């Protein structure tokens, strides 16, 4: 997956640490949702970059994209983040 900008190494290292600290019994869906939120906090807010970062951690980028879309839905409890006018994901 090509991206216009690199994923900062320090942010990727922090993502990997968070991923390693998550409970092994956590579902893939919940794990990806949490890691998407961490990406946003780390400043990785472009959907392609989020997918690329989580792919580097072993997640399926299509699954990540599906969760990004579902998580930005307009109905709670699925609304976990939103996409701004510039196409970047933000936390509420």
PDB file of N, CA and C in Angstrom:
ATOM      1  N   UNK A   1       0.852  -1.178   0.000  1.00  0.00           N
ATOM      2  CA  UNK A   1       0.000   0.000   0.000  1.00  0.00           C
ATOM      3  C   UNK A   1       0.895   1.237   0.000  1.00  0.00           C
ATOM      4  N   UNK A   2       0.802   2.035  -0.998  1.00  0.00           N
ATOM      5  CA  UNK A   2       1.622   3.241  -1.117  1.00  0.00           C
ATOM      6  C   UNK A   2       1.016   4.374  -0.296  1.00  0.00           C
ATOM      7  N   UNK A   3       1.889   5.126   0.337  1.00  0.00           N
ATOM      8  CA  UNK A   3       1.454   6.293   1.097  1.00  0.00           C
ATOM      9  C   UNK A   3       2.275   7.485   0.671  1.00  0.00           C
ATOM     10  N   UNK A   4       1.698   8.684   0.825  1.00  0.00           N
ATOM     11  CA  UNK A   4       2.394   9.906   0.419  1.00  0.00           C
ATOM     12  C   UNK A   4       3.449  10.332   1.426  1.00  0.00           C
ATOM     13  N   UNK A   5       3.321   9.884   2.648  1.00  0.00           N
ATOM     14  CA  UNK A   5       4.273  10.275   3.680  1.00  0.00           C
ATOM     15  C   UNK A   5       4.618   9.063   4.519  1.00  0.00           C
ATOM     16  N   UNK A   6       5.824   9.059   5.075  1.00  0.00           N
ATOM     17  CA  UNK A   6       6.214   7.910   5.889  1.00  0.00           C
ATOM     18  C   UNK A   6       5.509   7.919   7.252  1.00  0.00           C
ATOM     19  N   UNK A   7       5.417   6.750   7.819  1.00  0.00           N
ATOM     20  CA  UNK A   7       4.870   6.631   9.172  1.00  0.00           C
ATOM     21  C   UNK A   7       6.031   6.874  10.124  1.00  0.00           C
ATOM     22  N   UNK A   8       5.901   7.833  11.037  1.00  0.00           N
ATOM     23  CA  UNK A   8       7.004   8.114  11.956  1.00  0.00           C
ATOM     24  C   UNK A   8       7.401   6.867  12.757  1.00  0.00           C
ATOM     25  N   UNK A   9       8.691   6.583  12.786  1.00  0.00           N
ATOM     26  CA  UNK A   9       9.204   5.398  13.468  1.00  0.00           C
ATOM     27  C   UNK A   9       8.829   5.395  14.943  1.00  0.00           C
ATOM     28  N   UNK A  10       8.932   6.542  15.600  1.00  0.00           N
ATOM     29  CA  UNK A  10       8.611   6.606  17.026  1.00  0.00           C
ATOM     30  C   UNK A  10       7.134   6.273  17.269  1.00  0.00           C
ATOM     31  N   UNK A  11       6.267   6.770  16.405  1.00  0.00           N
ATOM     32  CA  UNK A  11       4.837   6.469  16.550  1.00  0.00           C
ATOM     33  C   UNK A  11       4.585   4.985  16.314  1.00  0.00           C
ATOM     34  N   UNK A  12       5.247   4.407  15.338  1.00  0.00           N
ATOM     35  CA  UNK A  12       5.083   2.982  15.058  1.00  0.00           C
ATOM     36  C   UNK A  12       5.598   2.143  16.233  1.00  0.00           C
ATOM     37  N   UNK A  13       6.693   2.562  16.838  1.00  0.00           N
ATOM     38  CA  UNK A  13       7.222   1.863  18.018  1.00  0.00           C
ATOM     39  C   UNK A  13       6.219   1.914  19.170  1.00  0.00           C
ATOM     40  N   UNK A  14       5.605   3.076  19.382  1.00  0.00           N
ATOM     41  CA  UNK A  14       4.608   3.190  20.460  1.00  0.00           C
ATOM     42  C   UNK A  14       3.386   2.330  20.160  1.00  0.00           C
ATOM     43  N   UNK A  15       2.959   2.311  18.904  1.00  0.00           N
ATOM     44  CA  UNK A  15       1.837   1.458  18.503  1.00  0.00           C
ATOM     45  C   UNK A  15       2.156  -0.012  18.784  1.00  0.00           C
ATOM     46  N   UNK A  16       3.368  -0.431  18.447  1.00  0.00           N
ATOM     47  CA  UNK A  16       3.775  -1.817  18.673  1.00  0.00           C
ATOM     48  C   UNK A  16       3.771  -2.146  20.162  1.00  0.00           C
ATOM     49  N   UNK A  17       4.201  -1.207  21.001  1.00  0.00           N
ATOM     50  CA  UNK A  17       4.182  -1.436  22.452  1.00  0.00           C
ATOM     51  C   UNK A  17       2.761  -1.563  22.974  1.00  0.00           C
ATOM     52  N   UNK A  18       1.873  -0.685  22.494  1.00  0.00           N
ATOM     53  CA  UNK A  18       0.466  -0.771  22.913  1.00  0.00           C
ATOM     54  C   UNK A  18      -0.118  -2.109  22.462  1.00  0.00           C
ATOM     55  N   UNK A  19       0.158  -2.486  21.225  1.00  0.00           N
ATOM     56  CA  UNK A  19      -0.348  -3.748  20.697  1.00  0.00           C
ATOM     57  C   UNK A  19       0.131  -4.913  21.555  1.00  0.00           C
ATOM     58  N   UNK A  20       1.397  -4.903  21.924  1.00  0.00           N
ATOM     59  CA  UNK A  20       1.962  -5.980  22.747  1.00  0.00           C
ATOM     60  C   UNK A  20       1.349  -6.009  24.142  1.00  0.00           C
ATOM     61  N   UNK A  21       0.939  -4.845  24.644  1.00  0.00           N
ATOM     62  CA  UNK A  21       0.365  -4.762  25.989  1.00  0.00           C
ATOM     63  C   UNK A  21      -1.115  -5.120  26.053  1.00  0.00           C
ATOM     64  N   UNK A  22      -1.787  -5.176  24.901  1.00  0.00           N
ATOM     65  CA  UNK A  22      -3.206  -5.518  24.899  1.00  0.00           C
ATOM     66  C   UNK A  22      -3.386  -6.991  25.252  1.00  0.00           C
ATOM     67  N   UNK A  23      -4.459  -7.279  25.942  1.00  0.00           N
ATOM     68  CA  UNK A  23      -4.736  -8.647  26.371  1.00  0.00           C
ATOM     69  C   UNK A  23      -4.837  -9.577  25.167  1.00  0.00           C
ATOM     70  N   UNK A  24      -4.203 -10.738  25.236  1.00  0.00           N
ATOM     71  CA  UNK A  24      -4.250 -11.686  24.121  1.00  0.00           C
ATOM     72  C   UNK A  24      -5.666 -12.179  23.810  1.00  0.00           C
ATOM     73  N   UNK A  25      -6.559 -12.129  24.788  1.00  0.00           N
ATOM     74  CA  UNK A  25      -7.925 -12.612  24.568  1.00  0.00           C
ATOM     75  C   UNK A  25      -8.802 -11.578  23.851  1.00  0.00           C
ATOM     76  N   UNK A  26      -8.276 -10.385  23.645  1.00  0.00           N
ATOM     77  CA  UNK A  26      -9.032  -9.332  22.969  1.00  0.00           C
ATOM     78  C   UNK A  26      -9.302  -9.737  21.522  1.00  0.00           C
ATOM     79  N   UNK A  27     -10.512  -9.511  21.055  1.00  0.00           N
ATOM     80  CA  UNK A  27     -10.841  -9.861  19.669  1.00  0.00           C
ATOM     81  C   UNK A  27     -10.032  -9.000  18.697  1.00  0.00           C
ATOM     82  N   UNK A  28      -9.843  -9.503  17.485  1.00  0.00           N
ATOM     83  CA  UNK A  28      -9.128  -8.732  16.460  1.00  0.00           C
ATOM     84  C   UNK A  28      -9.840  -7.406  16.201  1.00  0.00           C
ATOM     85  N   UNK A  29     -11.158  -7.440  16.205  1.00  0.00           N
ATOM     86  CA  UNK A  29     -11.955  -6.233  15.965  1.00  0.00           C
ATOM     87  C   UNK A  29     -11.679  -5.175  17.035  1.00  0.00           C
ATOM     88  N   UNK A  30     -11.749  -5.574  18.293  1.00  0.00           N
ATOM     89  CA  UNK A  30     -11.501  -4.626  19.385  1.00  0.00           C
ATOM     90  C   UNK A  30     -10.053  -4.158  19.401  1.00  0.00           C
ATOM     91  N   UNK A  31      -9.128  -5.064  19.108  1.00  0.00           N
ATOM     92  CA  UNK A  31      -7.701  -4.704  19.062  1.00  0.00           C
ATOM     93  C   UNK A  31      -7.471  -3.634  17.989  1.00  0.00           C
ATOM     94  N   UNK A  32      -8.013  -3.846  16.798  1.00  0.00           N
ATOM     95  CA  UNK A  32      -7.840  -2.878  15.714  1.00  0.00           C
ATOM     96  C   UNK A  32      -8.501  -1.551  16.078  1.00  0.00           C
ATOM     97  N   UNK A  33      -9.682  -1.596  16.680  1.00  0.00           N
ATOM     98  CA  UNK A  33     -10.354  -0.352  17.090  1.00  0.00           C
ATOM     99  C   UNK A  33      -9.493   0.450  18.054  1.00  0.00           C
ATOM    100  N   UNK A  34      -8.898  -0.229  19.015  1.00  0.00           N
ATOM    101  CA  UNK A  34      -8.032   0.466  19.977  1.00  0.00           C
ATOM    102  C   UNK A  34      -6.794   1.030  19.295  1.00  0.00           C
ATOM    103  N   UNK A  35      -6.210   0.256  18.395  1.00  0.00           N
ATOM    104  CA  UNK A  35      -5.000   0.723  17.708  1.00  0.00           C
ATOM    105  C   UNK A  35      -5.293   1.872  16.752  1.00  0.00           C
ATOM    106  N   UNK A  36      -6.483   1.892  16.156  1.00  0.00           N
ATOM    107  CA  UNK A  36      -6.869   3.040  15.324  1.00  0.00           C
ATOM    108  C   UNK A  36      -6.903   4.302  16.182  1.00  0.00           C
ATOM    109  N   UNK A  37      -7.496   4.201  17.360  1.00  0.00           N
ATOM    110  CA  UNK A  37      -7.552   5.363  18.262  1.00  0.00           C
ATOM    111  C   UNK A  37      -6.148   5.822  18.635  1.00  0.00           C
ATOM    112  N   UNK A  38      -5.245   4.878  18.877  1.00  0.00           N
ATOM    113  CA  UNK A  38      -3.857   5.238  19.206  1.00  0.00           C
ATOM    114  C   UNK A  38      -3.202   5.919  18.006  1.00  0.00           C
ATOM    115  N   UNK A  39      -3.454   5.416  16.804  1.00  0.00           N
ATOM    116  CA  UNK A  39      -2.921   6.066  15.600  1.00  0.00           C
ATOM    117  C   UNK A  39      -3.348   7.531  15.556  1.00  0.00           C
ATOM    118  N   UNK A  40      -4.632   7.761  15.779  1.00  0.00           N
ATOM    119  CA  UNK A  40      -5.155   9.129  15.716  1.00  0.00           C
ATOM    120  C   UNK A  40      -4.474  10.009  16.760  1.00  0.00           C
ATOM    121  N   UNK A  41      -4.333   9.492  17.971  1.00  0.00           N
ATOM    122  CA  UNK A  41      -3.655  10.247  19.037  1.00  0.00           C
ATOM    123  C   UNK A  41      -2.206  10.536  18.641  1.00  0.00           C
ATOM    124  N   UNK A  42      -1.568   9.590  17.970  1.00  0.00           N
ATOM    125  CA  UNK A  42      -0.168   9.739  17.548  1.00  0.00           C
ATOM    126  C   UNK A  42      -0.009  10.657  16.342  1.00  0.00           C
ATOM    127  N   UNK A  43      -1.126  11.121  15.770  1.00  0.00           N
ATOM    128  CA  UNK A  43      -1.046  12.024  14.628  1.00  0.00           C
ATOM    129  C   UNK A  43      -1.104  11.314  13.285  1.00  0.00           C
ATOM    130  N   UNK A  44      -1.336  10.015  13.305  1.00  0.00           N
ATOM    131  CA  UNK A  44      -1.521   9.257  12.066  1.00  0.00           C
ATOM    132  C   UNK A  44      -3.015   9.288  11.803  1.00  0.00           C
ATOM    133  N   UNK A  45      -3.452  10.217  10.965  1.00  0.00           N
ATOM    134  CA  UNK A  45      -4.885  10.470  10.813  1.00  0.00           C
ATOM    135  C   UNK A  45      -5.419  10.201   9.412  1.00  0.00           C
ATOM    136  N   UNK A  46      -4.540   9.915   8.471  1.00  0.00           N
ATOM    137  CA  UNK A  46      -4.954   9.584   7.111  1.00  0.00           C
ATOM    138  C   UNK A  46      -5.322   8.099   7.069  1.00  0.00           C
ATOM    139  N   UNK A  47      -6.447   7.773   6.461  1.00  0.00           N
ATOM    140  CA  UNK A  47      -6.910   6.393   6.427  1.00  0.00           C
ATOM    141  C   UNK A  47      -5.897   5.429   5.833  1.00  0.00           C
ATOM    142  N   UNK A  48      -5.237   5.829   4.746  1.00  0.00           N
ATOM    143  CA  UNK A  48      -4.234   4.957   4.120  1.00  0.00           C
ATOM    144  C   UNK A  48      -3.053   4.726   5.046  1.00  0.00           C
ATOM    145  N   UNK A  49      -2.651   5.771   5.769  1.00  0.00           N
ATOM    146  CA  UNK A  49      -1.534   5.623   6.710  1.00  0.00           C
ATOM    147  C   UNK A  49      -1.923   4.754   7.896  1.00  0.00           C
ATOM    148  N   UNK A  50      -3.149   4.907   8.376  1.00  0.00           N
ATOM    149  CA  UNK A  50      -3.620   4.068   9.483  1.00  0.00           C
ATOM    150  C   UNK A  50      -3.586   2.604   9.049  1.00  0.00           C
ATOM    151  N   UNK A  51      -4.127   2.329   7.862  1.00  0.00           N
ATOM    152  CA  UNK A  51      -4.128   0.955   7.343  1.00  0.00           C
ATOM    153  C   UNK A  51      -2.698   0.432   7.181  1.00  0.00           C
ATOM    154  N   UNK A  52      -1.808   1.264   6.663  1.00  0.00           N
ATOM    155  CA  UNK A  52      -0.420   0.854   6.457  1.00  0.00           C
ATOM    156  C   UNK A  52       0.281   0.579   7.782  1.00  0.00           C
ATOM    157  N   UNK A  53       0.056   1.448   8.775  1.00  0.00           N
ATOM    158  CA  UNK A  53       0.694   1.268  10.079  1.00  0.00           C
ATOM    159  C   UNK A  53       0.231  -0.031  10.732  1.00  0.00           C
ATOM    160  N   UNK A  54      -1.059  -0.278  10.688  1.00  0.00           N
ATOM    161  CA  UNK A  54      -1.572  -1.484  11.333  1.00  0.00           C
ATOM    162  C   UNK A  54      -1.227  -2.739  10.536  1.00  0.00           C
ATOM    163  N   UNK A  55      -1.041  -2.599   9.225  1.00  0.00           N
ATOM    164  CA  UNK A  55      -0.570  -3.734   8.427  1.00  0.00           C
ATOM    165  C   UNK A  55       0.836  -4.132   8.882  1.00  0.00           C
ATOM    166  N   UNK A  56       1.664  -3.131   9.185  1.00  0.00           N
ATOM    167  CA  UNK A  56       3.016  -3.419   9.670  1.00  0.00           C
ATOM    168  C   UNK A  56       2.995  -4.163  11.004  1.00  0.00           C
ATOM    169  N   UNK A  57       1.900  -4.029  11.738  1.00  0.00           N
ATOM    170  CA  UNK A  57       1.751  -4.739  13.013  1.00  0.00           C
ATOM    171  C   UNK A  57       1.027  -6.073  12.845  1.00  0.00           C
ATOM    172  N   UNK A  58       0.698  -6.423  11.600  1.00  0.00           N
ATOM    173  CA  UNK A  58       0.106  -7.721  11.345  1.00  0.00           C
ATOM    174  C   UNK A  58      -1.389  -7.732  11.102  1.00  0.00           C
ATOM    175  N   UNK A  59      -2.020  -6.564  11.060  1.00  0.00           N
ATOM    176  CA  UNK A  59      -3.459  -6.508  10.807  1.00  0.00           C
ATOM    177  C   UNK A  59      -3.739  -6.509   9.309  1.00  0.00           C
ATOM    178  N   UNK A  60      -4.897  -7.015   8.946  1.00  0.00           N
ATOM    179  CA  UNK A  60      -5.343  -7.015   7.569  1.00  0.00           C
ATOM    180  C   UNK A  60      -5.828  -5.602   7.227  1.00  0.00           C
ATOM    181  N   UNK A  61      -5.227  -4.924   6.240  1.00  0.00           N
ATOM    182  CA  UNK A  61      -5.616  -3.543   5.939  1.00  0.00           C
ATOM    183  C   UNK A  61      -7.075  -3.400   5.502  1.00  0.00           C
ATOM    184  N   UNK A  62      -7.638  -4.435   4.886  1.00  0.00           N
ATOM    185  CA  UNK A  62      -9.054  -4.371   4.509  1.00  0.00           C
ATOM    186  C   UNK A  62      -9.938  -4.387   5.753  1.00  0.00           C
ATOM    187  N   UNK A  63      -9.545  -5.174   6.739  1.00  0.00           N
ATOM    188  CA  UNK A  63     -10.276  -5.211   8.008  1.00  0.00           C
ATOM    189  C   UNK A  63     -10.166  -3.857   8.708  1.00  0.00           C
ATOM    190  N   UNK A  64      -8.982  -3.267   8.701  1.00  0.00           N
ATOM    191  CA  UNK A  64      -8.774  -1.951   9.314  1.00  0.00           C
ATOM    192  C   UNK A  64      -9.665  -0.915   8.631  1.00  0.00           C
ATOM    193  N   UNK A  65      -9.698  -0.928   7.294  1.00  0.00           N
ATOM    194  CA  UNK A  65     -10.536   0.016   6.558  1.00  0.00           C
ATOM    195  C   UNK A  65     -12.008  -0.142   6.887  1.00  0.00           C
ATOM    196  N   UNK A  66     -12.449  -1.380   7.029  1.00  0.00           N
ATOM    197  CA  UNK A  66     -13.846  -1.644   7.387  1.00  0.00           C
ATOM    198  C   UNK A  66     -14.163  -1.071   8.777  1.00  0.00           C
ATOM    199  N   UNK A  67     -13.251  -1.274   9.708  1.00  0.00           N
ATOM    200  CA  UNK A  67     -13.475  -0.757  11.066  1.00  0.00           C
ATOM    201  C   UNK A  67     -13.412   0.765  11.080  1.00  0.00           C
ATOM    202  N   UNK A  68     -12.515   1.356  10.288  1.00  0.00           N
ATOM    203  CA  UNK A  68     -12.470   2.822  10.179  1.00  0.00           C
ATOM    204  C   UNK A  68     -13.821   3.356   9.714  1.00  0.00           C
ATOM    205  N   UNK A  69     -14.357   2.752   8.679  1.00  0.00           N
ATOM    206  CA  UNK A  69     -15.652   3.206   8.147  1.00  0.00           C
ATOM    207  C   UNK A  69     -16.775   2.989   9.151  1.00  0.00           C
ATOM    208  N   UNK A  70     -16.810   1.823   9.746  1.00  0.00           N
ATOM    209  CA  UNK A  70     -17.873   1.520  10.707  1.00  0.00           C
ATOM    210  C   UNK A  70     -17.764   2.406  11.941  1.00  0.00           C
ATOM    211  N   UNK A  71     -16.541   2.668  12.389  1.00  0.00           N
ATOM    212  CA  UNK A  71     -16.325   3.486  13.581  1.00  0.00           C
ATOM    213  C   UNK A  71     -16.647   4.952  13.383  1.00  0.00           C
ATOM    214  N   UNK A  72     -16.745   5.380  12.130  1.00  0.00           N
ATOM    215  CA  UNK A  72     -17.079   6.780  11.876  1.00  0.00           C
ATOM    216  C   UNK A  72     -18.554   6.927  11.503  1.00  0.00           C
ATOM    217  N   UNK A  73     -19.326   5.887  11.770  1.00  0.00           N
ATOM    218  CA  UNK A  73     -20.763   5.938  11.504  1.00  0.00           C
ATOM    219  C   UNK A  73     -21.429   6.987  12.391  1.00  0.00           C
ATOM    220  N   UNK A  74     -22.614   7.372  12.003  1.00  0.00           N
ATOM    221  CA  UNK A  74     -23.287   8.459  12.723  1.00  0.00           C
ATOM    222  C   UNK A  74     -24.092   7.985  13.933  1.00  0.00           C
ATOM    223  N   UNK A  75     -24.191   6.695  14.150  1.00  0.00           N
ATOM    224  CA  UNK A  75     -25.006   6.191  15.241  1.00  0.00           C
ATOM    225  C   UNK A  75     -24.138   5.588  16.342  1.00  0.00           C
ATOM    226  N   UNK A  76     -24.283   6.057  17.579  1.00  0.00           N
ATOM    227  CA  UNK A  76     -23.595   5.397  18.682  1.00  0.00           C
ATOM    228  C   UNK A  76     -24.120   3.974  18.814  1.00  0.00           C
ATOM    229  N   UNK A  77     -23.384   3.010  19.310  1.00  0.00           N
ATOM    230  CA  UNK A  77     -22.051   3.126  19.892  1.00  0.00           C
ATOM    231  C   UNK A  77     -20.930   2.994  18.867  1.00  0.00           C
ATOM    232  N   UNK A  78     -21.272   2.874  17.588  1.00  0.00           N
ATOM    233  CA  UNK A  78     -20.256   2.681  16.558  1.00  0.00           C
ATOM    234  C   UNK A  78     -19.412   3.932  16.300  1.00  0.00           C
ATOM    235  N   UNK A  79     -19.926   5.096  16.626  1.00  0.00           N
ATOM    236  CA  UNK A  79     -19.214   6.350  16.371  1.00  0.00           C
ATOM    237  C   UNK A  79     -18.069   6.489  17.377  1.00  0.00           C
ATOM    238  N   UNK A  80     -16.885   6.113  16.951  1.00  0.00           N
ATOM    239  CA  UNK A  80     -15.702   6.195  17.822  1.00  0.00           C
ATOM    240  C   UNK A  80     -14.774   7.316  17.394  1.00  0.00           C
ATOM    241  N   UNK A  81     -14.858   7.729  16.150  1.00  0.00           N
ATOM    242  CA  UNK A  81     -14.052   8.807  15.577  1.00  0.00           C
ATOM    243  C   UNK A  81     -14.845   9.374  14.414  1.00  0.00           C
ATOM    244  N   UNK A  82     -14.360  10.435  13.828  1.00  0.00           N
ATOM    245  CA  UNK A  82     -15.038  11.018  12.671  1.00  0.00           C
ATOM    246  C   UNK A  82     -13.998  11.424  11.647  1.00  0.00           C
ATOM    247  N   UNK A  83     -14.456  11.630  10.432  1.00  0.00           N
ATOM    248  CA  UNK A  83     -13.587  12.044   9.337  1.00  0.00           C
ATOM    249  C   UNK A  83     -13.890  13.509   9.052  1.00  0.00           C
ATOM    250  N   UNK A  84     -12.850  14.351   9.122  1.00  0.00           N
ATOM    251  CA  UNK A  84     -13.070  15.781   8.895  1.00  0.00           C
ATOM    252  C   UNK A  84     -13.148  16.097   7.400  1.00  0.00           C
ATOM    253  N   UNK A  85     -13.368  17.352   7.088  1.00  0.00           N
ATOM    254  CA  UNK A  85     -13.535  17.786   5.696  1.00  0.00           C
ATOM    255  C   UNK A  85     -12.289  17.533   4.848  1.00  0.00           C
ATOM    256  N   UNK A  86     -11.121  17.460   5.477  1.00  0.00           N
ATOM    257  CA  UNK A  86      -9.875  17.193   4.757  1.00  0.00           C
ATOM    258  C   UNK A  86      -9.598  15.703   4.599  1.00  0.00           C
ATOM    259  N   UNK A  87     -10.503  14.863   5.118  1.00  0.00           N
ATOM    260  CA  UNK A  87     -10.334  13.420   4.977  1.00  0.00           C
ATOM    261  C   UNK A  87      -9.494  12.766   6.043  1.00  0.00           C
ATOM    262  N   UNK A  88      -9.235  13.478   7.130  1.00  0.00           N
ATOM    263  CA  UNK A  88      -8.448  12.922   8.234  1.00  0.00           C
ATOM    264  C   UNK A  88      -9.359  12.501   9.368  1.00  0.00           C
ATOM    265  N   UNK A  89      -8.985  11.423  10.011  1.00  0.00           N
ATOM    266  CA  UNK A  89      -9.774  10.903  11.132  1.00  0.00           C
ATOM    267  C   UNK A  89      -9.399  11.643  12.412  1.00  0.00           C
ATOM    268  N   UNK A  90     -10.389  11.913  13.212  1.00  0.00           N
ATOM    269  CA  UNK A  90     -10.233  12.639  14.484  1.00  0.00           C
ATOM    270  C   UNK A  90     -11.050  11.938  15.559  1.00  0.00           C
ATOM    271  N   UNK A  91     -10.619  12.071  16.786  1.00  0.00           N
ATOM    272  CA  UNK A  91     -11.412  11.573  17.914  1.00  0.00           C
ATOM    273  C   UNK A  91     -12.393  12.642  18.336  1.00  0.00           C
ATOM    274  N   UNK A  92     -13.578  12.221  18.808  1.00  0.00           N
ATOM    275  CA  UNK A  92     -14.584  13.235  19.227  1.00  0.00           C
ATOM    276  C   UNK A  92     -14.112  14.018  20.442  1.00  0.00           C
TER     277      UNK A  92
END
